[in-house]
C-alpha atoms as a PDB file:
ATOM      1  CA  MET A   1     124.374  81.136  79.205  1.00  0.00           C
ATOM      2  CA  GLY A   2     127.310  81.379  80.909  1.00  0.00           C
ATOM      3  CA  PHE A   3     128.335  84.576  83.139  1.00  0.00           C
ATOM      4  CA  ARG A   4     130.609  85.823  80.652  1.00  0.00           C
ATOM      5  CA  GLU A   5     128.012  85.065  78.112  1.00  0.00           C
ATOM      6  CA  GLY A   6     125.055  86.828  79.788  1.00  0.00           C
ATOM      7  CA  LEU A   7     127.480  89.850  80.851  1.00  0.00           C
ATOM      8  CA  SER A   8     128.487  90.432  77.375  1.00  0.00           C
ATOM      9  CA  ARG A   9     125.280  90.193  75.766  1.00  0.00           C
ATOM     10  CA  GLY A  10     124.617  92.526  78.797  1.00  0.00           C
ATOM     11  CA  TRP A  11     126.720  95.552  77.586  1.00  0.00           C
ATOM     12  CA  ARG A  12     126.200  94.670  74.084  1.00  0.00           C
ATOM     13  CA  SER A  13     122.447  95.713  75.218  1.00  0.00           C
ATOM     14  CA  ALA A  14     123.134  99.087  76.985  1.00  0.00           C
ATOM     15  CA  LEU A  15     125.575  99.847  74.319  1.00  0.00           C
ATOM     16  CA  ALA A  16     123.174  99.653  71.472  1.00  0.00           C
ATOM     17  CA  GLY A  17     120.418 101.278  73.907  1.00  0.00           C
ATOM     18  CA  ALA A  18     123.471 104.392  74.553  1.00  0.00           C
ATOM     19  CA  LEU A  19     123.599 104.702  70.664  1.00  0.00           C
ATOM     20  CA  GLU A  20     120.213 105.250  70.152  1.00  0.00           C
ATOM     21  CA  LEU A  21     120.144 107.736  72.648  1.00  0.00           C
ATOM     22  CA  ALA A  22     123.090 109.475  71.500  1.00  0.00           C
ATOM     23  CA  VAL A  23     122.159 108.834  67.935  1.00  0.00           C
ATOM     24  CA  PRO A  24     118.424 108.218  67.404  1.00  0.00           C
ATOM     25  CA  ARG A  25     117.597 106.700  64.300  1.00  0.00           C
ATOM     26  CA  ALA A  26     114.369 107.852  62.299  1.00  0.00           C
ATOM     27  CA  CYS A  27     112.053 105.982  59.655  1.00  0.00           C
ATOM     28  CA  LEU A  28     112.775 107.277  55.955  1.00  0.00           C
ATOM     29  CA  ALA A  29     109.202 106.587  55.272  1.00  0.00           C
ATOM     30  CA  CYS A  30     107.151 108.757  58.420  1.00  0.00           C
ATOM     31  CA  SER A  31     110.531 109.998  59.938  1.00  0.00           C
ATOM     32  CA  ALA A  32     109.732 108.672  63.433  1.00  0.00           C
ATOM     33  CA  GLY A  33     112.108 107.458  65.853  1.00  0.00           C
ATOM     34  CA  MET A  34     112.993 104.091  65.826  1.00  0.00           C
ATOM     35  CA  GLY A  35     113.391 101.484  68.775  1.00  0.00           C
ATOM     36  CA  SER A  36     116.107  98.835  69.093  1.00  0.00           C
ATOM     37  CA  ARG A  37     114.005  96.298  67.684  1.00  0.00           C
ATOM     38  CA  ASP A  38     113.391  98.645  64.725  1.00  0.00           C
ATOM     39  CA  ALA A  39     115.739  96.750  62.078  1.00  0.00           C
ATOM     40  CA  GLY A  40     116.441  98.331  58.361  1.00  0.00           C
ATOM     41  CA  LEU A  41     115.423 102.029  57.046  1.00  0.00           C
ATOM     42  CA  VAL A  42     112.283 102.043  58.088  1.00  0.00           C
ATOM     43  CA  CYS A  43     110.021 101.058  61.299  1.00  0.00           C
ATOM     44  CA  GLY A  44     107.433  97.853  61.227  1.00  0.00           C
ATOM     45  CA  ALA A  45     104.643 100.709  61.771  1.00  0.00           C
ATOM     46  CA  CYS A  46     104.852 101.653  58.463  1.00  0.00           C
ATOM     47  CA  TRP A  47     105.994  98.223  57.094  1.00  0.00           C
ATOM     48  CA  SER A  48     102.548  96.742  58.144  1.00  0.00           C
ATOM     49  CA  ARG A  49     100.415  99.406  56.445  1.00  0.00           C
ATOM     50  CA  LEU A  50     101.794  98.585  53.420  1.00  0.00           C
ATOM     51  CA  PRO A  51      98.428  98.721  50.879  1.00  0.00           C
ATOM     52  CA  LEU A  52      98.840  95.165  50.029  1.00  0.00           C
ATOM     53  CA  LEU A  53      97.429  94.108  46.555  1.00  0.00           C
ATOM     54  CA  PRO A  54      94.482  92.150  48.078  1.00  0.00           C
ATOM     55  CA  LYS A  55      93.413  88.566  47.267  1.00  0.00           C
ATOM     56  CA  PRO A  56      91.898  86.530  45.519  1.00  0.00           C
ATOM     57  CA  TRP A  57      94.376  87.322  42.935  1.00  0.00           C
ATOM     58  CA  CYS A  58      94.635  85.946  39.571  1.00  0.00           C
ATOM     59  CA  VAL A  59      96.600  82.884  38.991  1.00  0.00           C
ATOM     60  CA  ARG A  60      98.700  83.648  36.430  1.00  0.00           C
ATOM     61  CA  CYS A  61      99.907  87.972  36.736  1.00  0.00           C
ATOM     62  CA  GLY A  62      98.841  88.137  40.927  1.00  0.00           C
ATOM     63  CA  HIS A  63      96.353  90.336  40.463  1.00  0.00           C
ATOM     64  CA  PRO A  64      93.248  91.284  42.649  1.00  0.00           C
ATOM     65  CA  LEU A  65      90.382  89.511  40.680  1.00  0.00           C
ATOM     66  CA  PRO A  66      87.251  91.660  40.836  1.00  0.00           C
ATOM     67  CA  LEU A  67      84.414  90.793  43.016  1.00  0.00           C
ATOM     68  CA  GLU A  68      80.590  90.019  42.213  1.00  0.00           C
ATOM     69  CA  PRO A  69      78.007  92.331  43.897  1.00  0.00           C
ATOM     70  CA  THR A  70      77.723  89.572  46.697  1.00  0.00           C
ATOM     71  CA  GLY A  71      81.268  89.606  47.489  1.00  0.00           C
ATOM     72  CA  GLU A  72      82.617  86.430  45.813  1.00  0.00           C
ATOM     73  CA  SER A  73      85.474  86.175  43.833  1.00  0.00           C
ATOM     74  CA  ASN A  74      85.005  86.489  40.234  1.00  0.00           C
ATOM     75  CA  ALA A  75      87.443  83.599  39.106  1.00  0.00           C
ATOM     76  CA  GLY A  76      86.233  83.668  35.342  1.00  0.00           C
ATOM     77  CA  ALA A  77      86.829  86.959  34.758  1.00  0.00           C
ATOM     78  CA  ASP A  78      89.180  88.212  31.702  1.00  0.00           C
ATOM     79  CA  CYS A  79      91.897  89.462  33.598  1.00  0.00           C
ATOM     80  CA  PRO A  80      93.141  92.811  32.117  1.00  0.00           C
ATOM     81  CA  VAL A  81      96.739  92.686  33.701  1.00  0.00           C
ATOM     82  CA  CYS A  82      97.297  89.645  31.808  1.00  0.00           C
ATOM     83  CA  ARG A  83      95.895  90.874  28.719  1.00  0.00           C
ATOM     84  CA  GLN A  84      98.877  93.779  28.626  1.00  0.00           C
ATOM     85  CA  LEU A  85     101.827  91.076  29.588  1.00  0.00           C
ATOM     86  CA  GLU A  86     104.506  89.086  27.471  1.00  0.00           C
ATOM     87  CA  PRO A  87     101.401  86.286  26.461  1.00  0.00           C
ATOM     88  CA  ARG A  88     105.002  83.619  27.126  1.00  0.00           C
ATOM     89  CA  CYS A  89     105.512  85.263  30.711  1.00  0.00           C
ATOM     90  CA  SER A  90     104.232  82.264  33.047  1.00  0.00           C
ATOM     91  CA  ARG A  91     103.655  83.903  36.272  1.00  0.00           C
ATOM     92  CA  ALA A  92     103.996  87.906  37.490  1.00  0.00           C
ATOM     93  CA  ARG A  93     103.133  89.142  41.108  1.00  0.00           C
ATOM     94  CA  SER A  94     103.982  92.621  43.460  1.00  0.00           C
ATOM     95  CA  VAL A  95     103.529  93.135  46.927  1.00  0.00           C
ATOM     96  CA  CYS A  96     101.348  96.597  46.917  1.00  0.00           C
ATOM     97  CA  TRP A  97      99.845  99.357  45.720  1.00  0.00           C
ATOM     98  CA  VAL A  98     101.500 102.759  43.635  1.00  0.00           C
ATOM     99  CA  PRO A  99     101.376 105.197  44.062  1.00  0.00           C
ATOM    100  CA  HIS A 100     100.433 105.283  47.444  1.00  0.00           C
ATOM    101  CA  ALA A 101     100.759 107.651  50.746  1.00  0.00           C
ATOM    102  CA  ARG A 102     102.741 104.810  52.543  1.00  0.00           C
ATOM    103  CA  SER A 103     104.564 102.397  49.472  1.00  0.00           C
ATOM    104  CA  THR A 104     105.791 105.915  47.456  1.00  0.00           C
ATOM    105  CA  PRO A 105     108.195 106.963  49.851  1.00  0.00           C
ATOM    106  CA  LEU A 106     109.724 103.495  50.578  1.00  0.00           C
ATOM    107  CA  LEU A 107     110.323 103.186  46.450  1.00  0.00           C
ATOM    108  CA  ALA A 108     111.348 107.240  46.528  1.00  0.00           C
ATOM    109  CA  ALA A 109     114.466 106.316  48.931  1.00  0.00           C
ATOM    110  CA  LEU A 110     115.294 103.664  47.189  1.00  0.00           C
ATOM    111  CA  LYS A 111     114.770 104.695  43.428  1.00  0.00           C
ATOM    112  CA  TYR A 112     116.135 108.510  43.994  1.00  0.00           C
ATOM    113  CA  GLN A 113     117.347 108.980  47.383  1.00  0.00           C
ATOM    114  CA  GLY A 114     119.992 106.474  47.397  1.00  0.00           C
ATOM    115  CA  TRP A 115     118.685 104.818  49.788  1.00  0.00           C
ATOM    116  CA  TRP A 116     120.083 100.683  49.018  1.00  0.00           C
ATOM    117  CA  GLY A 117     119.483  99.081  52.087  1.00  0.00           C
ATOM    118  CA  MET A 118     115.882  99.559  51.269  1.00  0.00           C
ATOM    119  CA  ALA A 119     116.050  96.528  48.993  1.00  0.00           C
ATOM    120  CA  ASP A 120     116.660  94.028  52.036  1.00  0.00           C
ATOM    121  CA  GLY A 121     113.569  94.959  53.516  1.00  0.00           C
ATOM    122  CA  MET A 122     111.433  95.445  49.967  1.00  0.00           C
ATOM    123  CA  ALA A 123     113.081  92.191  49.555  1.00  0.00           C
ATOM    124  CA  GLU A 124     111.676  90.575  52.490  1.00  0.00           C
ATOM    125  CA  ARG A 125     108.298  91.252  51.515  1.00  0.00           C
ATOM    126  CA  MET A 126     108.274  90.454  48.507  1.00  0.00           C
ATOM    127  CA  VAL A 127     109.035  86.891  49.549  1.00  0.00           C
ATOM    128  CA  ARG A 128     106.432  86.478  52.253  1.00  0.00           C
ATOM    129  CA  PHE A 129     103.510  87.749  49.637  1.00  0.00           C
ATOM    130  CA  GLY A 130     105.447  86.195  46.645  1.00  0.00           C
ATOM    131  CA  GLY A 131     102.639  84.082  46.268  1.00  0.00           C
ATOM    132  CA  GLY A 132     104.409  81.289  44.612  1.00  0.00           C
ATOM    133  CA  VAL A 133     106.751  82.950  41.991  1.00  0.00           C
ATOM    134  CA  LEU A 134     109.329  80.321  42.586  1.00  0.00           C
ATOM    135  CA  ASP A 135     107.150  77.729  42.265  1.00  0.00           C
ATOM    136  CA  GLY A 136     108.912  74.503  40.336  1.00  0.00           C
ATOM    137  CA  ILE A 137     112.211  76.864  40.293  1.00  0.00           C
ATOM    138  CA  THR A 138     115.100  74.833  42.182  1.00  0.00           C
ATOM    139  CA  ALA A 139     117.831  77.197  41.301  1.00  0.00           C
ATOM    140  CA  PRO A 140     116.095  80.797  40.763  1.00  0.00           C
ATOM    141  CA  CYS A 141     118.016  83.244  38.653  1.00  0.00           C
ATOM    142  CA  PHE A 142     117.257  86.989  38.764  1.00  0.00           C
ATOM    143  CA  VAL A 143     117.663  89.169  35.593  1.00  0.00           C
ATOM    144  CA  PRO A 144     117.533  93.419  36.804  1.00  0.00           C
ATOM    145  CA  VAL A 145     115.813  95.063  34.419  1.00  0.00           C
ATOM    146  CA  PRO A 146     118.638  97.006  33.331  1.00  0.00           C
ATOM    147  CA  LEU A 147     118.914 101.500  33.283  1.00  0.00           C
ATOM    148  CA  ALA A 148     120.361 103.363  29.940  1.00  0.00           C
ATOM    149  CA  ALA A 149     124.120 104.220  30.352  1.00  0.00           C
ATOM    150  CA  ALA A 150     123.319 107.650  31.001  1.00  0.00           C
ATOM    151  CA  ARG A 151     120.647 106.618  33.673  1.00  0.00           C
ATOM    152  CA  LEU A 152     122.898 104.684  35.452  1.00  0.00           C
ATOM    153  CA  ARG A 153     125.826 107.319  35.209  1.00  0.00           C
ATOM    154  CA  GLU A 154     123.549 110.079  37.188  1.00  0.00           C
ATOM    155  CA  ARG A 155     122.526 107.686  39.787  1.00  0.00           C
ATOM    156  CA  GLY A 156     125.507 105.795  40.219  1.00  0.00           C
ATOM    157  CA  PHE A 157     122.885 102.700  41.173  1.00  0.00           C
ATOM    158  CA  ASN A 158     120.612 100.505  39.658  1.00  0.00           C
ATOM    159  CA  GLN A 159     117.623 100.162  41.749  1.00  0.00           C
ATOM    160  CA  SER A 160     116.385  96.927  40.171  1.00  0.00           C
ATOM    161  CA  ALA A 161     119.690  94.933  40.704  1.00  0.00           C
ATOM    162  CA  HIS A 162     119.951  95.765  44.105  1.00  0.00           C
ATOM    163  CA  LEU A 163     116.621  94.301  44.444  1.00  0.00           C
ATOM    164  CA  ALA A 164     117.538  91.623  42.738  1.00  0.00           C
ATOM    165  CA  ARG A 165     120.872  91.059  44.587  1.00  0.00           C
ATOM    166  CA  ALA A 166     119.136  90.749  48.207  1.00  0.00           C
ATOM    167  CA  LEU A 167     116.023  88.326  46.498  1.00  0.00           C
ATOM    168  CA  ALA A 168     119.112  86.102  45.989  1.00  0.00           C
ATOM    169  CA  ARG A 169     120.137  86.196  49.000  1.00  0.00           C
ATOM    170  CA  ARG A 170     116.973  85.493  50.811  1.00  0.00           C
ATOM    171  CA  SER A 171     115.983  82.816  48.208  1.00  0.00           C
ATOM    172  CA  GLY A 172     119.226  81.344  47.985  1.00  0.00           C
ATOM    173  CA  GLY A 173     119.567  82.324  43.483  1.00  0.00           C
ATOM    174  CA  THR A 174     121.669  83.877  41.984  1.00  0.00           C
ATOM    175  CA  VAL A 175     121.737  87.210  39.780  1.00  0.00           C
ATOM    176  CA  LEU A 176     122.654  87.330  36.141  1.00  0.00           C
ATOM    177  CA  ASP A 177     123.202  90.948  35.185  1.00  0.00           C
ATOM    178  CA  ASP A 178     125.142  91.319  32.377  1.00  0.00           C
ATOM    179  CA  VAL A 179     122.910  88.788  30.433  1.00  0.00           C
ATOM    180  CA  LEU A 180     120.556  91.966  29.302  1.00  0.00           C
ATOM    181  CA  VAL A 181     121.501  94.917  28.210  1.00  0.00           C
ATOM    182  CA  ARG A 182     119.891  98.302  26.796  1.00  0.00           C
ATOM    183  CA  ILE A 183     121.259  98.508  23.104  1.00  0.00           C
ATOM    184  CA  ARG A 184     119.308 102.118  22.693  1.00  0.00           C
ATOM    185  CA  THR A 185     118.691 104.644  24.633  1.00  0.00           C
ATOM    186  CA  THR A 186     114.738 105.218  25.855  1.00  0.00           C
ATOM    187  CA  GLU A 187     112.674 108.451  27.138  1.00  0.00           C
ATOM    188  CA  SER A 188     111.255 108.320  30.659  1.00  0.00           C
ATOM    189  CA  GLN A 189     107.864 106.310  31.321  1.00  0.00           C
ATOM    190  CA  THR A 190     106.556 108.166  33.684  1.00  0.00           C
ATOM    191  CA  GLN A 191     104.706 110.334  31.668  1.00  0.00           C
ATOM    192  CA  LEU A 192     104.030 108.446  28.693  1.00  0.00           C
ATOM    193  CA  THR A 193     100.918 106.758  27.862  1.00  0.00           C
ATOM    194  CA  PRO A 194     100.489 102.903  27.257  1.00  0.00           C
ATOM    195  CA  ALA A 195     100.719 103.347  23.551  1.00  0.00           C
ATOM    196  CA  GLU A 196     103.909 105.737  24.206  1.00  0.00           C
ATOM    197  CA  ARG A 197     105.455 103.602  26.679  1.00  0.00           C
ATOM    198  CA  ARG A 198     105.234 100.306  24.125  1.00  0.00           C
ATOM    199  CA  ALA A 199     106.866 101.804  21.115  1.00  0.00           C
ATOM    200  CA  ASN A 200     109.444 104.211  23.529  1.00  0.00           C
ATOM    201  CA  VAL A 201     111.012 100.500  24.628  1.00  0.00           C
ATOM    202  CA  HIS A 202     110.413  98.072  21.549  1.00  0.00           C
ATOM    203  CA  ASP A 203     113.725  96.443  20.713  1.00  0.00           C
ATOM    204  CA  ALA A 204     115.924  98.468  23.307  1.00  0.00           C
ATOM    205  CA  PHE A 205     116.769  95.504  24.929  1.00  0.00           C
ATOM    206  CA  ALA A 206     118.863  92.725  23.649  1.00  0.00           C
ATOM    207  CA  VAL A 207     121.394  89.715  24.662  1.00  0.00           C
ATOM    208  CA  PRO A 208     124.849  89.602  23.871  1.00  0.00           C
ATOM    209  CA  ALA A 209     125.531  86.624  21.861  1.00  0.00           C
ATOM    210  CA  ARG A 210     128.559  85.112  24.445  1.00  0.00           C
ATOM    211  CA  ARG A 211     125.883  85.549  27.446  1.00  0.00           C
ATOM    212  CA  ARG A 212     122.829  83.363  25.528  1.00  0.00           C
ATOM    213  CA  VAL A 213     124.478  80.046  27.154  1.00  0.00           C
ATOM    214  CA  ALA A 214     124.219  81.596  30.530  1.00  0.00           C
ATOM    215  CA  ILE A 215     120.475  81.688  30.297  1.00  0.00           C
ATOM    216  CA  GLY A 216     120.016  78.470  27.549  1.00  0.00           C
ATOM    217  CA  GLY A 217     116.858  76.116  29.574  1.00  0.00           C
ATOM    218  CA  ARG A 218     116.556  77.858  32.110  1.00  0.00           C
ATOM    219  CA  THR A 219     113.566  80.070  34.064  1.00  0.00           C
ATOM    220  CA  LEU A 220     114.287  83.297  34.936  1.00  0.00           C
ATOM    221  CA  VAL A 221     112.815  85.968  37.401  1.00  0.00           C
ATOM    222  CA  LEU A 222     112.992  89.853  35.901  1.00  0.00           C
ATOM    223  CA  VAL A 223     112.832  91.643  38.375  1.00  0.00           C
ATOM    224  CA  ASP A 224     111.931  95.525  38.763  1.00  0.00           C
ATOM    225  CA  ASP A 225     111.003  98.507  40.757  1.00  0.00           C
ATOM    226  CA  VAL A 226     106.929  98.547  39.586  1.00  0.00           C
ATOM    227  CA  LEU A 227     104.660  97.067  37.179  1.00  0.00           C
ATOM    228  CA  THR A 228     102.930 100.206  35.926  1.00  0.00           C
ATOM    229  CA  THR A 229     101.884  98.737  32.319  1.00  0.00           C
ATOM    230  CA  GLY A 230     104.522  95.914  31.735  1.00  0.00           C
ATOM    231  CA  ALA A 231     106.044  97.650  29.085  1.00  0.00           C
ATOM    232  CA  THR A 232     109.360  97.185  29.996  1.00  0.00           C
ATOM    233  CA  LEU A 233     109.330  93.911  31.386  1.00  0.00           C
ATOM    234  CA  ASN A 234     107.630  92.477  27.966  1.00  0.00           C
ATOM    235  CA  ALA A 235     110.368  94.006  25.882  1.00  0.00           C
ATOM    236  CA  CYS A 236     112.832  92.964  28.519  1.00  0.00           C
ATOM    237  CA  ALA A 237     111.174  89.538  28.022  1.00  0.00           C
ATOM    238  CA  VAL A 238     111.391  89.231  24.935  1.00  0.00           C
ATOM    239  CA  ALA A 239     114.427  89.857  24.384  1.00  0.00           C
ATOM    240  CA  LEU A 240     115.382  86.940  26.718  1.00  0.00           C
ATOM    241  CA  LEU A 241     112.937  84.565  25.422  1.00  0.00           C
ATOM    242  CA  ASP A 242     114.601  85.132  21.966  1.00  0.00           C
ATOM    243  CA  GLY A 243     118.297  84.706  23.139  1.00  0.00           C
ATOM    244  CA  GLY A 244     116.796  81.246  24.206  1.00  0.00           C
ATOM    245  CA  ALA A 245     115.339  81.525  27.646  1.00  0.00           C
ATOM    246  CA  PRO A 246     111.859  78.847  27.751  1.00  0.00           C
ATOM    247  CA  ASP A 247     110.166  80.336  30.726  1.00  0.00           C
ATOM    248  CA  ILE A 248     110.036  84.303  32.017  1.00  0.00           C
ATOM    249  CA  ARG A 249     108.430  85.547  35.390  1.00  0.00           C
ATOM    250  CA  TYR A 250     108.107  89.384  36.199  1.00  0.00           C
ATOM    251  CA  TRP A 251     109.130  90.158  39.898  1.00  0.00           C
ATOM    252  CA  THR A 252     108.467  93.521  41.352  1.00  0.00           C
ATOM    253  CA  PHE A 253     107.916  95.924  45.290  1.00  0.00           C
ATOM    254  CA  GLY A 254     105.087  97.707  43.045  1.00  0.00           C
ATOM    255  CA  ARG A 255     101.967  97.718  41.471  1.00  0.00           C
ATOM    256  CA  ALA A 256     100.135 100.601  39.586  1.00  0.00           C
ATOM    257  CA  ARG A 257      96.156 100.869  40.768  1.00  0.00           C
ATOM    258  CA  SER A 258      93.937 101.614  38.102  1.00  0.00           C
ATOM    259  CA  ASP A 259      90.204 103.439  39.170  1.00  0.00           C
ATOM    260  CA  ALA A 260      88.847 100.147  38.785  1.00  0.00           C
ATOM    261  CA  ASP A 261      91.057  97.926  40.834  1.00  0.00           C
ATOM    262  CA  ARG A 262      89.585  97.380  44.030  1.00  0.00           C
ATOM    263  CA  PRO A 263      91.159  99.162  46.997  1.00  0.00           C
END
């Protein structure tokens, strides 16, 4: 490293330190001060405390398998989450449990508070803990779950689209954000039972006829922020499969935990 380069790097470091003192950054999750080594909007400590889904996982859906009393994996168990997913979905993966004191604030910052930069940190963890969701795909195509038009106008952005773009940047893939549309208004799923969720989104999505050629023969990765019962992802998958896609996979940052799941 030459003298000028070293001097320039020294000035940049000094400037960065001065900015930290003048305008200190606070972690969106815990509000603690962030140092120069903390990239993004959340401190390293909060990322490290995510309630990751514990292994071993179900090979297909990535859900933690129940353990025998001996502590061994019950690998032959009938996975309850697999039963909830669209049968033609070949793989599903998530990073962490929600709701949780560590993961919920991160999702809220992206989904409700408009901190779009959260998507990159989430995508980094999705890739790191993805468990091979992209195995066998040479050119990943990510499809974000679309928002209803009224909800999109209200928020001004689609959090799933931001996640899909961040995943595409990290995996060298592409985003197809116009191959799936909502064709009718649906209620918020938050307070609905599993059966009500399925009815609420039934036939709510479609592939425009002019875009069917874009998904023909392609494995598509559906991207959303959270997998709860799978009702929304399943409804999206049915539309894409009926539109000509041969294979669908699900990828989310969070996954809902039942009382029967291991912490």
